[in-house]
Amino acid sequence: MIQLKIYVVGNTPKSEQLVSNLQKILREALNGLFRLEIINIFENQGKVEEAGIFATPTLIKTSPGPERRVFGDLTDKEKVLFALGLVPMN
């Protein structure tokens, strides 16, 4: 099971669309074998500081190691999966 966290700014339409697109990418690529924790930076300042988040959106693959972080645009499926170390880049 792949463990991920996504740090977003509030419950805005843009954040909701980002999470929806990301979940679609992950469902298709990982056959549902993932857990995605959605963290609103305004409601979870402690988690933000603990994780050292300085930009949003930030996606972190926490398990299995090694930890990988992806910042910014998460719309390109191949780039996201490659950045997370889940597939080789074509």
PDB file of N, CA and C in Angstrom:
ATOM      1  N   MET A   1       0.847  -1.178   0.000  1.00  0.00           N
ATOM      2  CA  MET A   1       0.000   0.000   0.000  1.00  0.00           C
ATOM      3  C   MET A   1       0.890   1.239   0.000  1.00  0.00           C
ATOM      4  N   ILE A   2       0.647   2.134  -0.925  1.00  0.00           N
ATOM      5  CA  ILE A   2       1.390   3.392  -1.028  1.00  0.00           C
ATOM      6  C   ILE A   2       0.698   4.438  -0.145  1.00  0.00           C
ATOM      7  N   GLN A   3       1.463   5.077   0.730  1.00  0.00           N
ATOM      8  CA  GLN A   3       0.942   6.115   1.631  1.00  0.00           C
ATOM      9  C   GLN A   3       1.379   7.477   1.095  1.00  0.00           C
ATOM     10  N   LEU A   4       0.397   8.370   0.921  1.00  0.00           N
ATOM     11  CA  LEU A   4       0.688   9.704   0.404  1.00  0.00           C
ATOM     12  C   LEU A   4      -0.039  10.761   1.215  1.00  0.00           C
ATOM     13  N   LYS A   5       0.518  11.977   1.176  1.00  0.00           N
ATOM     14  CA  LYS A   5      -0.124  13.141   1.793  1.00  0.00           C
ATOM     15  C   LYS A   5      -0.093  14.262   0.779  1.00  0.00           C
ATOM     16  N   ILE A   6      -1.209  14.981   0.677  1.00  0.00           N
ATOM     17  CA  ILE A   6      -1.272  16.154  -0.190  1.00  0.00           C
ATOM     18  C   ILE A   6      -1.614  17.359   0.679  1.00  0.00           C
ATOM     19  N   TYR A   7      -0.793  18.382   0.587  1.00  0.00           N
ATOM     20  CA  TYR A   7      -1.001  19.619   1.339  1.00  0.00           C
ATOM     21  C   TYR A   7      -1.586  20.647   0.378  1.00  0.00           C
ATOM     22  N   VAL A   8      -2.779  21.162   0.714  1.00  0.00           N
ATOM     23  CA  VAL A   8      -3.477  22.119  -0.143  1.00  0.00           C
ATOM     24  C   VAL A   8      -3.884  23.353   0.647  1.00  0.00           C
ATOM     25  N   VAL A   9      -4.203  24.415  -0.100  1.00  0.00           N
ATOM     26  CA  VAL A   9      -4.645  25.679   0.488  1.00  0.00           C
ATOM     27  C   VAL A   9      -6.164  25.679   0.538  1.00  0.00           C
ATOM     28  N   GLY A  10      -6.720  25.399   1.703  1.00  0.00           N
ATOM     29  CA  GLY A  10      -8.160  25.503   1.909  1.00  0.00           C
ATOM     30  C   GLY A  10      -8.992  24.521   1.101  1.00  0.00           C
ATOM     31  N   ASN A  11     -10.291  24.749   1.165  1.00  0.00           N
ATOM     32  CA  ASN A  11     -11.265  23.926   0.437  1.00  0.00           C
ATOM     33  C   ASN A  11     -11.795  24.691  -0.757  1.00  0.00           C
ATOM     34  N   THR A  12     -10.900  25.223  -1.556  1.00  0.00           N
ATOM     35  CA  THR A  12     -11.280  26.010  -2.722  1.00  0.00           C
ATOM     36  C   THR A  12     -11.630  25.089  -3.885  1.00  0.00           C
ATOM     37  N   PRO A  13     -12.361  25.600  -4.863  1.00  0.00           N
ATOM     38  CA  PRO A  13     -12.638  24.778  -6.049  1.00  0.00           C
ATOM     39  C   PRO A  13     -11.351  24.292  -6.727  1.00  0.00           C
ATOM     40  N   LYS A  14     -10.328  25.129  -6.752  1.00  0.00           N
ATOM     41  CA  LYS A  14      -9.057  24.736  -7.368  1.00  0.00           C
ATOM     42  C   LYS A  14      -8.418  23.580  -6.602  1.00  0.00           C
ATOM     43  N   SER A  15      -8.421  23.655  -5.281  1.00  0.00           N
ATOM     44  CA  SER A  15      -7.856  22.574  -4.463  1.00  0.00           C
ATOM     45  C   SER A  15      -8.654  21.296  -4.626  1.00  0.00           C
ATOM     46  N   GLU A  16      -9.980  21.417  -4.642  1.00  0.00           N
ATOM     47  CA  GLU A  16     -10.832  20.237  -4.801  1.00  0.00           C
ATOM     48  C   GLU A  16     -10.613  19.576  -6.159  1.00  0.00           C
ATOM     49  N   GLN A  17     -10.436  20.380  -7.212  1.00  0.00           N
ATOM     50  CA  GLN A  17     -10.182  19.827  -8.546  1.00  0.00           C
ATOM     51  C   GLN A  17      -8.823  19.138  -8.592  1.00  0.00           C
ATOM     52  N   LEU A  18      -7.835  19.744  -7.954  1.00  0.00           N
ATOM     53  CA  LEU A  18      -6.501  19.165  -7.890  1.00  0.00           C
ATOM     54  C   LEU A  18      -6.551  17.792  -7.225  1.00  0.00           C
ATOM     55  N   VAL A  19      -7.206  17.701  -6.085  1.00  0.00           N
ATOM     56  CA  VAL A  19      -7.304  16.435  -5.354  1.00  0.00           C
ATOM     57  C   VAL A  19      -8.060  15.399  -6.176  1.00  0.00           C
ATOM     58  N   SER A  20      -9.132  15.817  -6.816  1.00  0.00           N
ATOM     59  CA  SER A  20      -9.910  14.902  -7.654  1.00  0.00           C
ATOM     60  C   SER A  20      -9.066  14.347  -8.800  1.00  0.00           C
ATOM     61  N   ASN A  21      -8.325  15.223  -9.478  1.00  0.00           N
ATOM     62  CA  ASN A  21      -7.450  14.776 -10.569  1.00  0.00           C
ATOM     63  C   ASN A  21      -6.365  13.835 -10.062  1.00  0.00           C
ATOM     64  N   LEU A  22      -5.779  14.173  -8.923  1.00  0.00           N
ATOM     65  CA  LEU A  22      -4.729  13.332  -8.344  1.00  0.00           C
ATOM     66  C   LEU A  22      -5.274  11.954  -7.983  1.00  0.00           C
ATOM     67  N   GLN A  23      -6.444  11.907  -7.354  1.00  0.00           N
ATOM     68  CA  GLN A  23      -7.042  10.627  -6.992  1.00  0.00           C
ATOM     69  C   GLN A  23      -7.302   9.782  -8.231  1.00  0.00           C
ATOM     70  N   LYS A  24      -7.715  10.402  -9.317  1.00  0.00           N
ATOM     71  CA  LYS A  24      -7.953   9.667 -10.564  1.00  0.00           C
ATOM     72  C   LYS A  24      -6.649   9.071 -11.086  1.00  0.00           C
ATOM     73  N   ILE A  25      -5.582   9.881 -11.090  1.00  0.00           N
ATOM     74  CA  ILE A  25      -4.275   9.391 -11.531  1.00  0.00           C
ATOM     75  C   ILE A  25      -3.841   8.197 -10.684  1.00  0.00           C
ATOM     76  N   LEU A  26      -3.962   8.333  -9.376  1.00  0.00           N
ATOM     77  CA  LEU A  26      -3.521   7.273  -8.468  1.00  0.00           C
ATOM     78  C   LEU A  26      -4.374   6.017  -8.594  1.00  0.00           C
ATOM     79  N   ARG A  27      -5.694   6.181  -8.726  1.00  0.00           N
ATOM     80  CA  ARG A  27      -6.575   5.006  -8.890  1.00  0.00           C
ATOM     81  C   ARG A  27      -6.198   4.225 -10.138  1.00  0.00           C
ATOM     82  N   GLU A  28      -5.975   4.946 -11.232  1.00  0.00           N
ATOM     83  CA  GLU A  28      -5.645   4.278 -12.496  1.00  0.00           C
ATOM     84  C   GLU A  28      -4.271   3.604 -12.442  1.00  0.00           C
ATOM     85  N   ALA A  29      -3.295   4.281 -11.870  1.00  0.00           N
ATOM     86  CA  ALA A  29      -1.924   3.768 -11.871  1.00  0.00           C
ATOM     87  C   ALA A  29      -1.669   2.719 -10.800  1.00  0.00           C
ATOM     88  N   LEU A  30      -2.352   2.846  -9.664  1.00  0.00           N
ATOM     89  CA  LEU A  30      -2.055   1.978  -8.522  1.00  0.00           C
ATOM     90  C   LEU A  30      -3.190   1.020  -8.182  1.00  0.00           C
ATOM     91  N   ASN A  31      -4.182   0.950  -9.030  1.00  0.00           N
ATOM     92  CA  ASN A  31      -5.308   0.024  -8.826  1.00  0.00           C
ATOM     93  C   ASN A  31      -5.926   0.152  -7.440  1.00  0.00           C
ATOM     94  N   GLY A  32      -5.971   1.384  -6.930  1.00  0.00           N
ATOM     95  CA  GLY A  32      -6.600   1.604  -5.633  1.00  0.00           C
ATOM     96  C   GLY A  32      -5.745   1.228  -4.443  1.00  0.00           C
ATOM     97  N   LEU A  33      -4.499   0.816  -4.671  1.00  0.00           N
ATOM     98  CA  LEU A  33      -3.634   0.374  -3.572  1.00  0.00           C
ATOM     99  C   LEU A  33      -2.845   1.552  -3.002  1.00  0.00           C
ATOM    100  N   PHE A  34      -3.566   2.569  -2.563  1.00  0.00           N
ATOM    101  CA  PHE A  34      -2.935   3.740  -1.985  1.00  0.00           C
ATOM    102  C   PHE A  34      -3.853   4.337  -0.928  1.00  0.00           C
ATOM    103  N   ARG A  35      -3.237   5.120  -0.065  1.00  0.00           N
ATOM    104  CA  ARG A  35      -3.983   5.892   0.932  1.00  0.00           C
ATOM    105  C   ARG A  35      -3.509   7.325   0.806  1.00  0.00           C
ATOM    106  N   LEU A  36      -4.441   8.237   0.548  1.00  0.00           N
ATOM    107  CA  LEU A  36      -4.120   9.646   0.367  1.00  0.00           C
ATOM    108  C   LEU A  36      -4.729  10.450   1.498  1.00  0.00           C
ATOM    109  N   GLU A  37      -3.873  11.091   2.289  1.00  0.00           N
ATOM    110  CA  GLU A  37      -4.332  11.983   3.356  1.00  0.00           C
ATOM    111  C   GLU A  37      -4.317  13.408   2.799  1.00  0.00           C
ATOM    112  N   ILE A  38      -5.447  14.094   2.889  1.00  0.00           N
ATOM    113  CA  ILE A  38      -5.568  15.462   2.393  1.00  0.00           C
ATOM    114  C   ILE A  38      -5.432  16.406   3.577  1.00  0.00           C
ATOM    115  N   ILE A  39      -4.458  17.303   3.498  1.00  0.00           N
ATOM    116  CA  ILE A  39      -4.173  18.198   4.610  1.00  0.00           C
ATOM    117  C   ILE A  39      -4.365  19.643   4.165  1.00  0.00           C
ATOM    118  N   ASN A  40      -5.345  20.305   4.772  1.00  0.00           N
ATOM    119  CA  ASN A  40      -5.620  21.717   4.538  1.00  0.00           C
ATOM    120  C   ASN A  40      -4.628  22.504   5.397  1.00  0.00           C
ATOM    121  N   ILE A  41      -3.769  23.297   4.773  1.00  0.00           N
ATOM    122  CA  ILE A  41      -2.717  23.972   5.537  1.00  0.00           C
ATOM    123  C   ILE A  41      -3.277  24.984   6.529  1.00  0.00           C
ATOM    124  N   PHE A  42      -4.473  25.504   6.281  1.00  0.00           N
ATOM    125  CA  PHE A  42      -5.069  26.467   7.202  1.00  0.00           C
ATOM    126  C   PHE A  42      -5.599  25.803   8.467  1.00  0.00           C
ATOM    127  N   GLU A  43      -5.962  24.529   8.377  1.00  0.00           N
ATOM    128  CA  GLU A  43      -6.548  23.813   9.512  1.00  0.00           C
ATOM    129  C   GLU A  43      -5.550  22.924  10.243  1.00  0.00           C
ATOM    130  N   ASN A  44      -4.369  22.753   9.692  1.00  0.00           N
ATOM    131  CA  ASN A  44      -3.394  21.804  10.252  1.00  0.00           C
ATOM    132  C   ASN A  44      -1.989  22.389  10.289  1.00  0.00           C
ATOM    133  N   GLN A  45      -1.848  23.546  10.891  1.00  0.00           N
ATOM    134  CA  GLN A  45      -0.558  24.232  10.918  1.00  0.00           C
ATOM    135  C   GLN A  45       0.544  23.380  11.535  1.00  0.00           C
ATOM    136  N   GLY A  46       0.214  22.599  12.545  1.00  0.00           N
ATOM    137  CA  GLY A  46       1.211  21.733  13.177  1.00  0.00           C
ATOM    138  C   GLY A  46       1.787  20.720  12.203  1.00  0.00           C
ATOM    139  N   LYS A  47       0.923  20.075  11.399  1.00  0.00           N
ATOM    140  CA  LYS A  47       1.389  19.098  10.415  1.00  0.00           C
ATOM    141  C   LYS A  47       2.217  19.770   9.329  1.00  0.00           C
ATOM    142  N   VAL A  48       1.823  20.994   8.971  1.00  0.00           N
ATOM    143  CA  VAL A  48       2.556  21.735   7.947  1.00  0.00           C
ATOM    144  C   VAL A  48       3.976  22.025   8.426  1.00  0.00           C
ATOM    145  N   GLU A  49       4.098  22.516   9.640  1.00  0.00           N
ATOM    146  CA  GLU A  49       5.422  22.817  10.194  1.00  0.00           C
ATOM    147  C   GLU A  49       6.253  21.552  10.371  1.00  0.00           C
ATOM    148  N   GLU A  50       5.621  20.506  10.867  1.00  0.00           N
ATOM    149  CA  GLU A  50       6.321  19.240  11.094  1.00  0.00           C
ATOM    150  C   GLU A  50       6.893  18.675   9.793  1.00  0.00           C
ATOM    151  N   ALA A  51       6.128  18.819   8.709  1.00  0.00           N
ATOM    152  CA  ALA A  51       6.558  18.284   7.417  1.00  0.00           C
ATOM    153  C   ALA A  51       7.480  19.235   6.661  1.00  0.00           C
ATOM    154  N   GLY A  52       7.625  20.464   7.145  1.00  0.00           N
ATOM    155  CA  GLY A  52       8.484  21.430   6.469  1.00  0.00           C
ATOM    156  C   GLY A  52       7.928  21.884   5.130  1.00  0.00           C
ATOM    157  N   ILE A  53       6.620  22.057   5.077  1.00  0.00           N
ATOM    158  CA  ILE A  53       5.969  22.475   3.834  1.00  0.00           C
ATOM    159  C   ILE A  53       6.196  23.960   3.618  1.00  0.00           C
ATOM    160  N   PHE A  54       6.678  24.326   2.430  1.00  0.00           N
ATOM    161  CA  PHE A  54       6.911  25.728   2.110  1.00  0.00           C
ATOM    162  C   PHE A  54       6.215  26.163   0.828  1.00  0.00           C
ATOM    163  N   ALA A  55       5.578  25.233   0.129  1.00  0.00           N
ATOM    164  CA  ALA A  55       4.842  25.539  -1.101  1.00  0.00           C
ATOM    165  C   ALA A  55       3.646  24.603  -1.193  1.00  0.00           C
ATOM    166  N   THR A  56       2.605  25.091  -1.845  1.00  0.00           N
ATOM    167  CA  THR A  56       1.442  24.244  -2.090  1.00  0.00           C
ATOM    168  C   THR A  56       1.062  24.341  -3.563  1.00  0.00           C
ATOM    169  N   PRO A  57       0.503  23.279  -4.091  1.00  0.00           N
ATOM    170  CA  PRO A  57       0.318  21.999  -3.422  1.00  0.00           C
ATOM    171  C   PRO A  57       1.640  21.233  -3.314  1.00  0.00           C
ATOM    172  N   THR A  58       1.741  20.446  -2.273  1.00  0.00           N
ATOM    173  CA  THR A  58       2.873  19.542  -2.091  1.00  0.00           C
ATOM    174  C   THR A  58       2.320  18.141  -1.862  1.00  0.00           C
ATOM    175  N   LEU A  59       2.795  17.207  -2.669  1.00  0.00           N
ATOM    176  CA  LEU A  59       2.421  15.798  -2.541  1.00  0.00           C
ATOM    177  C   LEU A  59       3.636  15.053  -2.021  1.00  0.00           C
ATOM    178  N   ILE A  60       3.432  14.261  -0.970  1.00  0.00           N
ATOM    179  CA  ILE A  60       4.531  13.493  -0.380  1.00  0.00           C
ATOM    180  C   ILE A  60       4.165  12.009  -0.364  1.00  0.00           C
ATOM    181  N   LYS A  61       5.066  11.197  -0.912  1.00  0.00           N
ATOM    182  CA  LYS A  61       4.938   9.734  -0.767  1.00  0.00           C
ATOM    183  C   LYS A  61       5.737   9.392   0.476  1.00  0.00           C
ATOM    184  N   THR A  62       5.046   8.939   1.511  1.00  0.00           N
ATOM    185  CA  THR A  62       5.709   8.653   2.781  1.00  0.00           C
ATOM    186  C   THR A  62       6.121   7.195   2.928  1.00  0.00           C
ATOM    187  N   SER A  63       5.411   6.307   2.248  1.00  0.00           N
ATOM    188  CA  SER A  63       5.699   4.887   2.388  1.00  0.00           C
ATOM    189  C   SER A  63       5.227   4.151   1.142  1.00  0.00           C
ATOM    190  N   PRO A  64       5.944   3.193   0.650  1.00  0.00           N
ATOM    191  CA  PRO A  64       7.241   2.758   1.123  1.00  0.00           C
ATOM    192  C   PRO A  64       8.313   3.781   0.771  1.00  0.00           C
ATOM    193  N   GLY A  65       9.419   3.738   1.533  1.00  0.00           N
ATOM    194  CA  GLY A  65      10.508   4.684   1.329  1.00  0.00           C
ATOM    195  C   GLY A  65      11.216   4.454   0.012  1.00  0.00           C
ATOM    196  N   PRO A  66      12.043   5.346  -0.409  1.00  0.00           N
ATOM    197  CA  PRO A  66      12.343   6.601   0.268  1.00  0.00           C
ATOM    198  C   PRO A  66      11.220   7.620   0.052  1.00  0.00           C
ATOM    199  N   GLU A  67      11.158   8.592   0.964  1.00  0.00           N
ATOM    200  CA  GLU A  67      10.168   9.653   0.830  1.00  0.00           C
ATOM    201  C   GLU A  67      10.448  10.440  -0.451  1.00  0.00           C
ATOM    202  N   ARG A  68       9.372  10.818  -1.140  1.00  0.00           N
ATOM    203  CA  ARG A  68       9.477  11.638  -2.348  1.00  0.00           C
ATOM    204  C   ARG A  68       8.483  12.776  -2.235  1.00  0.00           C
ATOM    205  N   ARG A  69       8.868  13.955  -2.740  1.00  0.00           N
ATOM    206  CA  ARG A  69       7.998  15.138  -2.724  1.00  0.00           C
ATOM    207  C   ARG A  69       7.832  15.688  -4.123  1.00  0.00           C
ATOM    208  N   VAL A  70       6.603  16.114  -4.409  1.00  0.00           N
ATOM    209  CA  VAL A  70       6.278  16.734  -5.689  1.00  0.00           C
ATOM    210  C   VAL A  70       5.569  18.045  -5.378  1.00  0.00           C
ATOM    211  N   PHE A  71       6.003  19.126  -6.023  1.00  0.00           N
ATOM    212  CA  PHE A  71       5.433  20.442  -5.788  1.00  0.00           C
ATOM    213  C   PHE A  71       4.733  20.937  -7.050  1.00  0.00           C
ATOM    214  N   GLY A  72       3.710  21.774  -6.841  1.00  0.00           N
ATOM    215  CA  GLY A  72       3.092  22.474  -7.966  1.00  0.00           C
ATOM    216  C   GLY A  72       2.121  21.634  -8.763  1.00  0.00           C
ATOM    217  N   ASP A  73       2.162  21.816 -10.062  1.00  0.00           N
ATOM    218  CA  ASP A  73       1.208  21.214 -10.988  1.00  0.00           C
ATOM    219  C   ASP A  73       1.264  19.689 -10.918  1.00  0.00           C
ATOM    220  N   LEU A  74       0.128  19.089 -10.630  1.00  0.00           N
ATOM    221  CA  LEU A  74       0.056  17.625 -10.506  1.00  0.00           C
ATOM    222  C   LEU A  74      -0.861  17.022 -11.562  1.00  0.00           C
ATOM    223  N   THR A  75      -0.933  17.648 -12.734  1.00  0.00           N
ATOM    224  CA  THR A  75      -1.876  17.188 -13.746  1.00  0.00           C
ATOM    225  C   THR A  75      -1.287  16.173 -14.718  1.00  0.00           C
ATOM    226  N   ASP A  76       0.030  16.157 -14.894  1.00  0.00           N
ATOM    227  CA  ASP A  76       0.652  15.245 -15.845  1.00  0.00           C
ATOM    228  C   ASP A  76       0.920  13.905 -15.155  1.00  0.00           C
ATOM    229  N   LYS A  77       0.136  12.917 -15.509  1.00  0.00           N
ATOM    230  CA  LYS A  77       0.191  11.602 -14.861  1.00  0.00           C
ATOM    231  C   LYS A  77       1.596  11.011 -14.861  1.00  0.00           C
ATOM    232  N   GLU A  78       2.245  10.977 -16.019  1.00  0.00           N
ATOM    233  CA  GLU A  78       3.577  10.358 -16.111  1.00  0.00           C
ATOM    234  C   GLU A  78       4.597  11.094 -15.252  1.00  0.00           C
ATOM    235  N   LYS A  79       4.558  12.421 -15.247  1.00  0.00           N
ATOM    236  CA  LYS A  79       5.521  13.193 -14.463  1.00  0.00           C
ATOM    237  C   LYS A  79       5.295  13.004 -12.971  1.00  0.00           C
ATOM    238  N   VAL A  80       4.032  12.970 -12.560  1.00  0.00           N
ATOM    239  CA  VAL A  80       3.724  12.774 -11.139  1.00  0.00           C
ATOM    240  C   VAL A  80       4.202  11.401 -10.681  1.00  0.00           C
ATOM    241  N   LEU A  81       3.873  10.370 -11.423  1.00  0.00           N
ATOM    242  CA  LEU A  81       4.254   9.013 -11.035  1.00  0.00           C
ATOM    243  C   LEU A  81       5.773   8.828 -11.063  1.00  0.00           C
ATOM    244  N   PHE A  82       6.441   9.454 -12.035  1.00  0.00           N
ATOM    245  CA  PHE A  82       7.898   9.386 -12.108  1.00  0.00           C
ATOM    246  C   PHE A  82       8.523  10.105 -10.904  1.00  0.00           C
ATOM    247  N   ALA A  83       8.021  11.298 -10.589  1.00  0.00           N
ATOM    248  CA  ALA A  83       8.551  12.077  -9.458  1.00  0.00           C
ATOM    249  C   ALA A  83       8.392  11.329  -8.144  1.00  0.00           C
ATOM    250  N   LEU A  84       7.324  10.551  -8.032  1.00  0.00           N
ATOM    251  CA  LEU A  84       7.083   9.766  -6.822  1.00  0.00           C
ATOM    252  C   LEU A  84       7.898   8.469  -6.807  1.00  0.00           C
ATOM    253  N   GLY A  85       8.587   8.192  -7.905  1.00  0.00           N
ATOM    254  CA  GLY A  85       9.388   6.970  -7.974  1.00  0.00           C
ATOM    255  C   GLY A  85       8.562   5.728  -8.208  1.00  0.00           C
ATOM    256  N   LEU A  86       7.384   5.906  -8.813  1.00  0.00           N
ATOM    257  CA  LEU A  86       6.477   4.771  -9.000  1.00  0.00           C
ATOM    258  C   LEU A  86       6.559   4.152 -10.387  1.00  0.00           C
ATOM    259  N   VAL A  87       7.064   4.898 -11.380  1.00  0.00           N
ATOM    260  CA  VAL A  87       7.229   4.381 -12.738  1.00  0.00           C
ATOM    261  C   VAL A  87       8.465   5.018 -13.370  1.00  0.00           C
ATOM    262  N   PRO A  88       9.103   4.318 -14.305  1.00  0.00           N
ATOM    263  CA  PRO A  88      10.222   4.939 -15.022  1.00  0.00           C
ATOM    264  C   PRO A  88       9.687   5.953 -16.029  1.00  0.00           C
ATOM    265  N   MET A  89      10.463   6.992 -16.307  1.00  0.00           N
ATOM    266  CA  MET A  89      10.065   7.999 -17.289  1.00  0.00           C
ATOM    267  C   MET A  89      10.307   7.435 -18.680  1.00  0.00           C
ATOM    268  N   ASN A  90       9.313   7.595 -19.553  1.00  0.00           N
ATOM    269  CA  ASN A  90       9.438   7.109 -20.943  1.00  0.00           C
ATOM    270  C   ASN A  90      10.157   8.111 -21.807  1.00  0.00           C
TER     271      ASN A  90
END
